[in-house]
N, C-alpha and C. Protein backbone atom coordinates (compact mmCIF):
# COMPACT_ATOMS: atom_id res chain seq x y z
N MET A 1 8.66 -11.62 -1.48
CA MET A 1 7.25 -11.86 -1.70
C MET A 1 6.60 -12.27 -0.39
N ILE A 2 5.41 -11.77 -0.19
CA ILE A 2 4.61 -12.14 0.98
C ILE A 2 3.45 -12.98 0.47
N GLU A 3 3.21 -14.09 1.11
CA GLU A 3 2.07 -14.93 0.73
C GLU A 3 1.13 -15.06 1.91
N THR A 4 -0.16 -14.99 1.60
CA THR A 4 -1.20 -15.22 2.60
C THR A 4 -1.98 -16.44 2.15
N GLU A 5 -3.07 -16.69 2.81
CA GLU A 5 -3.90 -17.84 2.44
C GLU A 5 -4.36 -17.76 0.98
N ARG A 6 -4.71 -16.55 0.52
CA ARG A 6 -5.26 -16.41 -0.84
C ARG A 6 -4.44 -15.54 -1.77
N LEU A 7 -3.44 -14.82 -1.23
CA LEU A 7 -2.78 -13.77 -2.01
C LEU A 7 -1.27 -13.93 -2.08
N LYS A 8 -0.72 -13.28 -3.11
CA LYS A 8 0.73 -13.05 -3.23
C LYS A 8 0.90 -11.54 -3.36
N LEU A 9 1.82 -10.98 -2.59
CA LEU A 9 2.10 -9.55 -2.62
C LEU A 9 3.59 -9.36 -2.80
N TYR A 10 3.97 -8.46 -3.71
CA TYR A 10 5.39 -8.25 -3.94
C TYR A 10 5.64 -6.88 -4.55
N PRO A 11 6.81 -6.28 -4.23
CA PRO A 11 7.17 -5.01 -4.86
C PRO A 11 7.57 -5.27 -6.31
N ALA A 12 7.01 -4.50 -7.19
CA ALA A 12 7.28 -4.66 -8.62
C ALA A 12 8.70 -4.23 -8.96
N SER A 13 9.24 -4.86 -9.98
CA SER A 13 10.55 -4.47 -10.51
C SER A 13 10.38 -3.20 -11.35
N LYS A 14 11.48 -2.60 -11.74
CA LYS A 14 11.45 -1.42 -12.60
C LYS A 14 10.67 -1.72 -13.88
N GLU A 15 10.96 -2.85 -14.50
CA GLU A 15 10.30 -3.22 -15.76
C GLU A 15 8.81 -3.44 -15.56
N GLN A 16 8.43 -4.11 -14.47
CA GLN A 16 7.01 -4.33 -14.18
C GLN A 16 6.30 -3.00 -13.95
N MET A 17 6.97 -2.09 -13.23
CA MET A 17 6.35 -0.79 -12.98
C MET A 17 6.18 -0.01 -14.27
N GLU A 18 7.16 -0.05 -15.16
CA GLU A 18 7.06 0.67 -16.43
C GLU A 18 5.90 0.15 -17.27
N VAL A 19 5.74 -1.16 -17.34
CA VAL A 19 4.63 -1.75 -18.09
C VAL A 19 3.30 -1.36 -17.45
N PHE A 20 3.24 -1.43 -16.12
CA PHE A 20 2.03 -1.08 -15.39
C PHE A 20 1.66 0.38 -15.62
N ILE A 21 2.64 1.27 -15.56
CA ILE A 21 2.40 2.70 -15.77
C ILE A 21 1.89 2.95 -17.18
N GLU A 22 2.49 2.30 -18.15
CA GLU A 22 2.09 2.47 -19.55
C GLU A 22 0.64 2.05 -19.78
N SER A 23 0.16 1.09 -19.01
CA SER A 23 -1.21 0.58 -19.19
C SER A 23 -2.27 1.47 -18.53
N GLN A 24 -1.86 2.44 -17.75
CA GLN A 24 -2.81 3.28 -17.02
C GLN A 24 -3.53 4.25 -17.96
N THR A 25 -4.83 4.40 -17.76
CA THR A 25 -5.63 5.31 -18.57
C THR A 25 -6.12 6.52 -17.78
N VAL A 26 -5.97 6.48 -16.47
CA VAL A 26 -6.37 7.61 -15.61
C VAL A 26 -5.12 8.43 -15.31
N ASP A 27 -5.12 9.69 -15.76
CA ASP A 27 -3.94 10.54 -15.65
C ASP A 27 -3.43 10.70 -14.21
N VAL A 28 -4.33 10.85 -13.26
CA VAL A 28 -3.93 11.04 -11.87
C VAL A 28 -3.20 9.80 -11.35
N LEU A 29 -3.72 8.63 -11.68
CA LEU A 29 -3.07 7.39 -11.26
C LEU A 29 -1.72 7.22 -11.96
N LYS A 30 -1.70 7.52 -13.24
CA LYS A 30 -0.45 7.39 -14.00
C LYS A 30 0.63 8.28 -13.37
N ALA A 31 0.27 9.51 -13.04
CA ALA A 31 1.22 10.44 -12.42
C ALA A 31 1.70 9.91 -11.06
N ALA A 32 0.79 9.34 -10.28
CA ALA A 32 1.17 8.80 -8.97
C ALA A 32 2.13 7.62 -9.13
N TYR A 33 1.86 6.76 -10.09
CA TYR A 33 2.74 5.60 -10.30
C TYR A 33 4.10 6.02 -10.86
N ILE A 34 4.12 7.06 -11.69
CA ILE A 34 5.40 7.59 -12.17
C ILE A 34 6.21 8.14 -11.00
N GLU A 35 5.52 8.81 -10.08
CA GLU A 35 6.19 9.35 -8.88
C GLU A 35 6.79 8.20 -8.04
N MET A 36 6.06 7.09 -7.94
CA MET A 36 6.57 5.93 -7.20
C MET A 36 7.82 5.37 -7.88
N LEU A 37 7.77 5.22 -9.19
CA LEU A 37 8.93 4.70 -9.91
C LEU A 37 10.13 5.62 -9.72
N ASN A 38 9.90 6.93 -9.82
CA ASN A 38 10.99 7.89 -9.60
C ASN A 38 11.54 7.78 -8.18
N GLY A 39 10.66 7.55 -7.20
CA GLY A 39 11.11 7.35 -5.82
C GLY A 39 12.00 6.13 -5.71
N CYS A 40 11.62 5.06 -6.41
CA CYS A 40 12.44 3.84 -6.42
C CYS A 40 13.81 4.11 -7.01
N LEU A 41 13.83 4.83 -8.12
CA LEU A 41 15.09 5.10 -8.80
C LEU A 41 15.97 6.04 -7.99
N ASP A 42 15.35 7.01 -7.31
CA ASP A 42 16.10 7.96 -6.48
C ASP A 42 16.57 7.35 -5.16
N HIS A 43 15.88 6.32 -4.69
CA HIS A 43 16.18 5.70 -3.40
C HIS A 43 16.23 4.18 -3.59
N SER A 44 17.07 3.72 -4.47
CA SER A 44 17.10 2.29 -4.81
C SER A 44 17.39 1.40 -3.61
N GLU A 45 18.08 1.94 -2.61
CA GLU A 45 18.37 1.15 -1.41
C GLU A 45 17.11 0.95 -0.55
N GLN A 46 16.06 1.71 -0.85
CA GLN A 46 14.79 1.58 -0.13
C GLN A 46 13.65 1.25 -1.10
N TRP A 47 13.96 0.42 -2.10
CA TRP A 47 13.01 0.10 -3.17
C TRP A 47 11.63 -0.28 -2.65
N ASP A 48 11.59 -1.17 -1.67
CA ASP A 48 10.30 -1.67 -1.18
C ASP A 48 9.40 -0.57 -0.63
N TRP A 49 10.01 0.52 -0.17
CA TRP A 49 9.24 1.61 0.45
C TRP A 49 8.70 2.61 -0.57
N TYR A 50 9.09 2.47 -1.83
CA TYR A 50 8.61 3.37 -2.89
C TYR A 50 7.88 2.63 -4.00
N ALA A 51 8.10 1.34 -4.13
CA ALA A 51 7.59 0.56 -5.26
C ALA A 51 6.07 0.38 -5.21
N ILE A 52 5.52 0.10 -6.37
CA ILE A 52 4.15 -0.39 -6.46
C ILE A 52 4.22 -1.86 -6.03
N TRP A 53 3.46 -2.23 -5.03
CA TRP A 53 3.36 -3.62 -4.62
C TRP A 53 2.16 -4.22 -5.35
N MET A 54 2.38 -5.32 -6.04
CA MET A 54 1.31 -5.99 -6.75
C MET A 54 0.57 -6.93 -5.80
N ILE A 55 -0.75 -6.91 -5.92
CA ILE A 55 -1.59 -7.83 -5.16
C ILE A 55 -2.19 -8.79 -6.16
N GLU A 56 -1.89 -10.07 -5.98
CA GLU A 56 -2.37 -11.10 -6.90
C GLU A 56 -3.02 -12.23 -6.12
N LEU A 57 -3.98 -12.88 -6.76
CA LEU A 57 -4.49 -14.14 -6.22
C LEU A 57 -3.39 -15.18 -6.39
N LYS A 58 -3.49 -16.28 -5.69
CA LYS A 58 -2.47 -17.33 -5.77
C LYS A 58 -2.27 -17.83 -7.20
N ASP A 59 -3.32 -17.72 -8.06
CA ASP A 59 -3.18 -18.19 -9.44
C ASP A 59 -2.53 -17.15 -10.36
N GLY A 60 -2.10 -16.00 -9.78
CA GLY A 60 -1.43 -14.97 -10.56
C GLY A 60 -2.34 -13.87 -11.09
N THR A 61 -3.64 -13.94 -10.83
CA THR A 61 -4.57 -12.91 -11.27
C THR A 61 -4.31 -11.62 -10.50
N HIS A 62 -4.02 -10.54 -11.22
CA HIS A 62 -3.76 -9.24 -10.60
C HIS A 62 -5.09 -8.64 -10.13
N ILE A 63 -5.17 -8.30 -8.83
CA ILE A 63 -6.43 -7.76 -8.31
C ILE A 63 -6.29 -6.39 -7.66
N GLY A 64 -5.07 -5.86 -7.56
CA GLY A 64 -4.92 -4.55 -6.95
C GLY A 64 -3.46 -4.20 -6.71
N GLU A 65 -3.28 -3.06 -6.05
CA GLU A 65 -1.94 -2.56 -5.76
C GLU A 65 -1.91 -2.01 -4.35
N LEU A 66 -0.69 -1.86 -3.87
CA LEU A 66 -0.43 -1.32 -2.55
C LEU A 66 0.89 -0.56 -2.63
N CYS A 67 1.07 0.43 -1.79
CA CYS A 67 2.36 1.14 -1.77
C CYS A 67 2.60 1.71 -0.38
N PHE A 68 3.85 2.06 -0.12
CA PHE A 68 4.22 2.65 1.16
C PHE A 68 4.47 4.15 1.10
N LYS A 69 4.61 4.74 -0.06
CA LYS A 69 4.83 6.19 -0.20
C LYS A 69 6.10 6.66 0.53
N GLY A 70 7.12 5.83 0.56
CA GLY A 70 8.38 6.21 1.18
C GLY A 70 8.43 5.88 2.66
N LEU A 71 9.57 6.17 3.25
CA LEU A 71 9.80 5.93 4.67
C LEU A 71 10.47 7.17 5.24
N SER A 72 9.85 7.78 6.25
CA SER A 72 10.39 9.01 6.82
C SER A 72 11.62 8.70 7.68
N PRO A 73 12.44 9.73 7.95
CA PRO A 73 13.63 9.51 8.79
C PRO A 73 13.31 9.00 10.19
N ASP A 74 12.09 9.30 10.68
CA ASP A 74 11.71 8.81 12.01
C ASP A 74 10.98 7.47 11.96
N GLY A 75 11.03 6.78 10.81
CA GLY A 75 10.52 5.42 10.71
C GLY A 75 9.04 5.27 10.45
N ILE A 76 8.40 6.31 9.94
CA ILE A 76 6.97 6.23 9.63
C ILE A 76 6.79 5.94 8.15
N ALA A 77 6.03 4.89 7.85
CA ALA A 77 5.73 4.54 6.46
C ALA A 77 4.24 4.77 6.24
N LYS A 78 3.92 5.55 5.22
CA LYS A 78 2.52 5.78 4.85
C LYS A 78 2.11 4.73 3.83
N ILE A 79 0.98 4.10 4.09
CA ILE A 79 0.52 3.01 3.24
C ILE A 79 -0.73 3.43 2.47
N GLY A 80 -0.80 3.00 1.22
CA GLY A 80 -1.98 3.21 0.40
C GLY A 80 -2.29 1.90 -0.31
N TYR A 81 -3.54 1.68 -0.66
CA TYR A 81 -3.93 0.41 -1.25
C TYR A 81 -5.22 0.56 -2.06
N GLY A 82 -5.41 -0.35 -2.98
CA GLY A 82 -6.64 -0.37 -3.76
C GLY A 82 -6.84 -1.75 -4.37
N ILE A 83 -8.08 -2.17 -4.39
CA ILE A 83 -8.47 -3.44 -5.00
C ILE A 83 -9.37 -3.13 -6.19
N ASN A 84 -9.11 -3.78 -7.31
CA ASN A 84 -9.92 -3.58 -8.51
C ASN A 84 -11.39 -3.88 -8.22
N ASP A 85 -12.28 -3.12 -8.86
CA ASP A 85 -13.71 -3.19 -8.58
C ASP A 85 -14.27 -4.61 -8.54
N ASP A 86 -13.90 -5.45 -9.50
CA ASP A 86 -14.45 -6.81 -9.58
C ASP A 86 -14.09 -7.68 -8.39
N TYR A 87 -13.09 -7.28 -7.61
CA TYR A 87 -12.61 -8.11 -6.51
C TYR A 87 -12.89 -7.48 -5.14
N GLN A 88 -13.62 -6.38 -5.12
CA GLN A 88 -13.95 -5.75 -3.84
C GLN A 88 -15.06 -6.52 -3.14
N GLY A 89 -15.06 -6.46 -1.82
CA GLY A 89 -16.10 -7.10 -1.03
C GLY A 89 -15.79 -8.53 -0.63
N TYR A 90 -14.57 -8.99 -0.90
CA TYR A 90 -14.18 -10.36 -0.56
C TYR A 90 -13.11 -10.43 0.53
N GLY A 91 -12.78 -9.29 1.13
CA GLY A 91 -11.79 -9.26 2.20
C GLY A 91 -10.34 -9.23 1.73
N TYR A 92 -10.13 -9.04 0.42
CA TYR A 92 -8.76 -9.04 -0.10
C TYR A 92 -7.95 -7.85 0.42
N ALA A 93 -8.58 -6.68 0.50
CA ALA A 93 -7.84 -5.50 0.99
C ALA A 93 -7.39 -5.71 2.43
N THR A 94 -8.27 -6.22 3.26
CA THR A 94 -7.91 -6.48 4.66
C THR A 94 -6.77 -7.50 4.74
N GLU A 95 -6.87 -8.56 3.96
CA GLU A 95 -5.84 -9.60 3.97
C GLU A 95 -4.49 -9.03 3.52
N ALA A 96 -4.51 -8.20 2.47
CA ALA A 96 -3.27 -7.63 1.94
C ALA A 96 -2.68 -6.61 2.91
N VAL A 97 -3.49 -5.71 3.42
CA VAL A 97 -2.98 -4.67 4.33
C VAL A 97 -2.46 -5.30 5.61
N LYS A 98 -3.15 -6.28 6.13
CA LYS A 98 -2.70 -6.96 7.36
C LYS A 98 -1.34 -7.63 7.13
N ALA A 99 -1.21 -8.36 6.04
CA ALA A 99 0.04 -9.07 5.77
C ALA A 99 1.21 -8.12 5.56
N VAL A 100 1.00 -7.08 4.78
CA VAL A 100 2.08 -6.13 4.50
C VAL A 100 2.40 -5.29 5.74
N SER A 101 1.39 -4.98 6.53
CA SER A 101 1.63 -4.24 7.78
C SER A 101 2.48 -5.07 8.74
N GLU A 102 2.16 -6.34 8.86
CA GLU A 102 2.96 -7.21 9.73
C GLU A 102 4.39 -7.28 9.24
N TRP A 103 4.58 -7.41 7.92
CA TRP A 103 5.94 -7.43 7.35
C TRP A 103 6.67 -6.12 7.67
N ALA A 104 6.00 -5.00 7.42
CA ALA A 104 6.63 -3.69 7.60
C ALA A 104 7.04 -3.47 9.06
N LEU A 105 6.16 -3.84 9.99
CA LEU A 105 6.45 -3.60 11.40
C LEU A 105 7.53 -4.53 11.95
N ARG A 106 7.88 -5.57 11.21
CA ARG A 106 9.01 -6.42 11.60
C ARG A 106 10.35 -5.82 11.18
N GLN A 107 10.30 -4.79 10.35
CA GLN A 107 11.54 -4.14 9.91
C GLN A 107 12.02 -3.22 11.04
N PRO A 108 13.27 -3.34 11.45
CA PRO A 108 13.76 -2.58 12.61
C PRO A 108 13.66 -1.07 12.45
N ILE A 109 13.65 -0.56 11.24
CA ILE A 109 13.62 0.89 11.02
C ILE A 109 12.22 1.48 11.09
N VAL A 110 11.19 0.65 11.16
CA VAL A 110 9.81 1.13 11.13
C VAL A 110 9.27 1.30 12.54
N THR A 111 8.82 2.52 12.83
CA THR A 111 8.21 2.80 14.13
C THR A 111 6.68 2.72 14.07
N SER A 112 6.11 3.08 12.91
CA SER A 112 4.66 3.02 12.76
C SER A 112 4.27 3.12 11.29
N LEU A 113 3.03 2.77 11.03
CA LEU A 113 2.44 2.92 9.70
C LEU A 113 1.31 3.93 9.80
N GLU A 114 1.10 4.67 8.73
CA GLU A 114 0.00 5.61 8.67
C GLU A 114 -0.75 5.43 7.36
N ALA A 115 -2.05 5.71 7.41
CA ALA A 115 -2.90 5.65 6.22
C ALA A 115 -3.91 6.77 6.32
N GLU A 116 -4.33 7.24 5.17
CA GLU A 116 -5.39 8.25 5.10
C GLU A 116 -6.51 7.71 4.22
N THR A 117 -7.73 8.06 4.58
CA THR A 117 -8.85 7.68 3.73
C THR A 117 -9.92 8.75 3.81
N ASN A 118 -10.62 8.89 2.72
CA ASN A 118 -11.72 9.84 2.65
C ASN A 118 -12.75 9.50 3.72
N GLU A 119 -13.29 10.50 4.35
CA GLU A 119 -14.27 10.32 5.42
C GLU A 119 -15.45 9.45 4.97
N ASP A 120 -15.81 9.53 3.70
CA ASP A 120 -16.96 8.78 3.18
C ASP A 120 -16.61 7.35 2.77
N ASN A 121 -15.34 6.99 2.79
CA ASN A 121 -14.93 5.67 2.33
C ASN A 121 -15.04 4.66 3.48
N ILE A 122 -16.26 4.22 3.72
CA ILE A 122 -16.55 3.31 4.83
C ILE A 122 -15.77 2.00 4.70
N SER A 123 -15.66 1.48 3.49
CA SER A 123 -14.95 0.21 3.27
C SER A 123 -13.49 0.33 3.67
N SER A 124 -12.84 1.40 3.27
CA SER A 124 -11.42 1.59 3.59
C SER A 124 -11.24 1.79 5.10
N LYS A 125 -12.12 2.54 5.71
CA LYS A 125 -12.05 2.72 7.16
C LYS A 125 -12.20 1.39 7.88
N ARG A 126 -13.07 0.53 7.37
CA ARG A 126 -13.28 -0.79 7.96
C ARG A 126 -12.02 -1.65 7.82
N VAL A 127 -11.34 -1.57 6.65
CA VAL A 127 -10.09 -2.30 6.45
C VAL A 127 -9.07 -1.86 7.50
N LEU A 128 -8.91 -0.55 7.64
CA LEU A 128 -7.93 -0.04 8.61
C LEU A 128 -8.26 -0.47 10.03
N ASP A 129 -9.53 -0.42 10.38
CA ASP A 129 -9.96 -0.85 11.72
C ASP A 129 -9.64 -2.33 11.95
N LYS A 130 -9.96 -3.18 10.98
CA LYS A 130 -9.71 -4.62 11.11
C LYS A 130 -8.22 -4.93 11.21
N CYS A 131 -7.39 -4.05 10.65
CA CYS A 131 -5.94 -4.26 10.67
C CYS A 131 -5.26 -3.60 11.87
N GLY A 132 -6.05 -2.97 12.75
CA GLY A 132 -5.49 -2.40 13.98
C GLY A 132 -5.11 -0.94 13.92
N PHE A 133 -5.36 -0.27 12.80
CA PHE A 133 -5.08 1.16 12.69
C PHE A 133 -6.12 1.93 13.50
N VAL A 134 -5.69 3.03 14.13
CA VAL A 134 -6.61 3.88 14.90
C VAL A 134 -6.48 5.33 14.43
N PRO A 135 -7.58 6.08 14.45
CA PRO A 135 -7.49 7.49 14.06
C PRO A 135 -6.52 8.22 14.99
N ASN A 136 -5.70 9.13 14.41
CA ASN A 136 -4.75 9.85 15.26
C ASN A 136 -5.08 11.33 15.40
N GLY A 137 -6.24 11.74 14.89
CA GLY A 137 -6.69 13.12 15.06
C GLY A 137 -6.17 14.09 14.02
N THR A 138 -5.38 13.62 13.08
CA THR A 138 -4.81 14.47 12.04
C THR A 138 -5.61 14.29 10.75
N ILE A 139 -5.80 15.37 10.04
CA ILE A 139 -6.44 15.31 8.72
C ILE A 139 -5.36 15.53 7.67
N GLY A 140 -5.22 14.58 6.77
CA GLY A 140 -4.23 14.67 5.70
C GLY A 140 -4.87 15.08 4.39
N GLU A 141 -4.13 14.98 3.32
CA GLU A 141 -4.62 15.37 2.00
C GLU A 141 -5.82 14.54 1.55
N GLU A 142 -5.85 13.27 1.96
CA GLU A 142 -6.92 12.37 1.52
C GLU A 142 -8.00 12.17 2.58
N GLY A 143 -7.86 12.79 3.74
CA GLY A 143 -8.85 12.64 4.80
C GLY A 143 -8.20 12.31 6.12
N PRO A 144 -9.00 11.80 7.07
CA PRO A 144 -8.47 11.46 8.39
C PRO A 144 -7.31 10.47 8.30
N ARG A 145 -6.33 10.66 9.17
CA ARG A 145 -5.15 9.80 9.20
C ARG A 145 -5.29 8.76 10.33
N TYR A 146 -4.84 7.56 10.02
CA TYR A 146 -4.89 6.43 10.95
C TYR A 146 -3.47 5.93 11.17
N THR A 147 -3.20 5.43 12.37
CA THR A 147 -1.85 4.98 12.72
C THR A 147 -1.89 3.55 13.28
N LEU A 148 -0.87 2.81 12.93
CA LEU A 148 -0.62 1.50 13.51
C LEU A 148 0.81 1.54 14.03
N LYS A 149 0.97 1.47 15.34
CA LYS A 149 2.29 1.61 15.95
C LYS A 149 2.96 0.24 16.10
N ASN A 150 4.29 0.30 16.00
CA ASN A 150 5.11 -0.90 16.23
C ASN A 150 5.18 -1.12 17.72
N THR A 151 4.78 -2.30 18.17
CA THR A 151 4.78 -2.58 19.61
C THR A 151 5.90 -3.52 19.98
């Protein structure tokens, strides 16, 4: 578990992920979370790199999720994140991404982190900028790709 001033972040267990997946009402999200669970089961030795990471306030209130989308053989972890609508605009995404990025880059196998965001998603681009990610000139499935290198 990673704790910040206001948040607790942790990779969900198999049981937590199954409950979370069952509660999903958006088919695209449900499919993505099922893919994450399958990644965990297929790569149990790398659970943290496939799991849904829960983002909670210190009092246990669930406010969002984060994931790494696996870890490539060359040490690149792709990160994705989202904060529930009622909790947006309070800096929680920046706090969560910064904390998890620092944790990830302390892992000896990680060379860099990457994230993609839609060109119109100004808030997400601002989160990445505040966390030290820089555009790398590549366009991915979700938009421009940003990189944070391990120094």
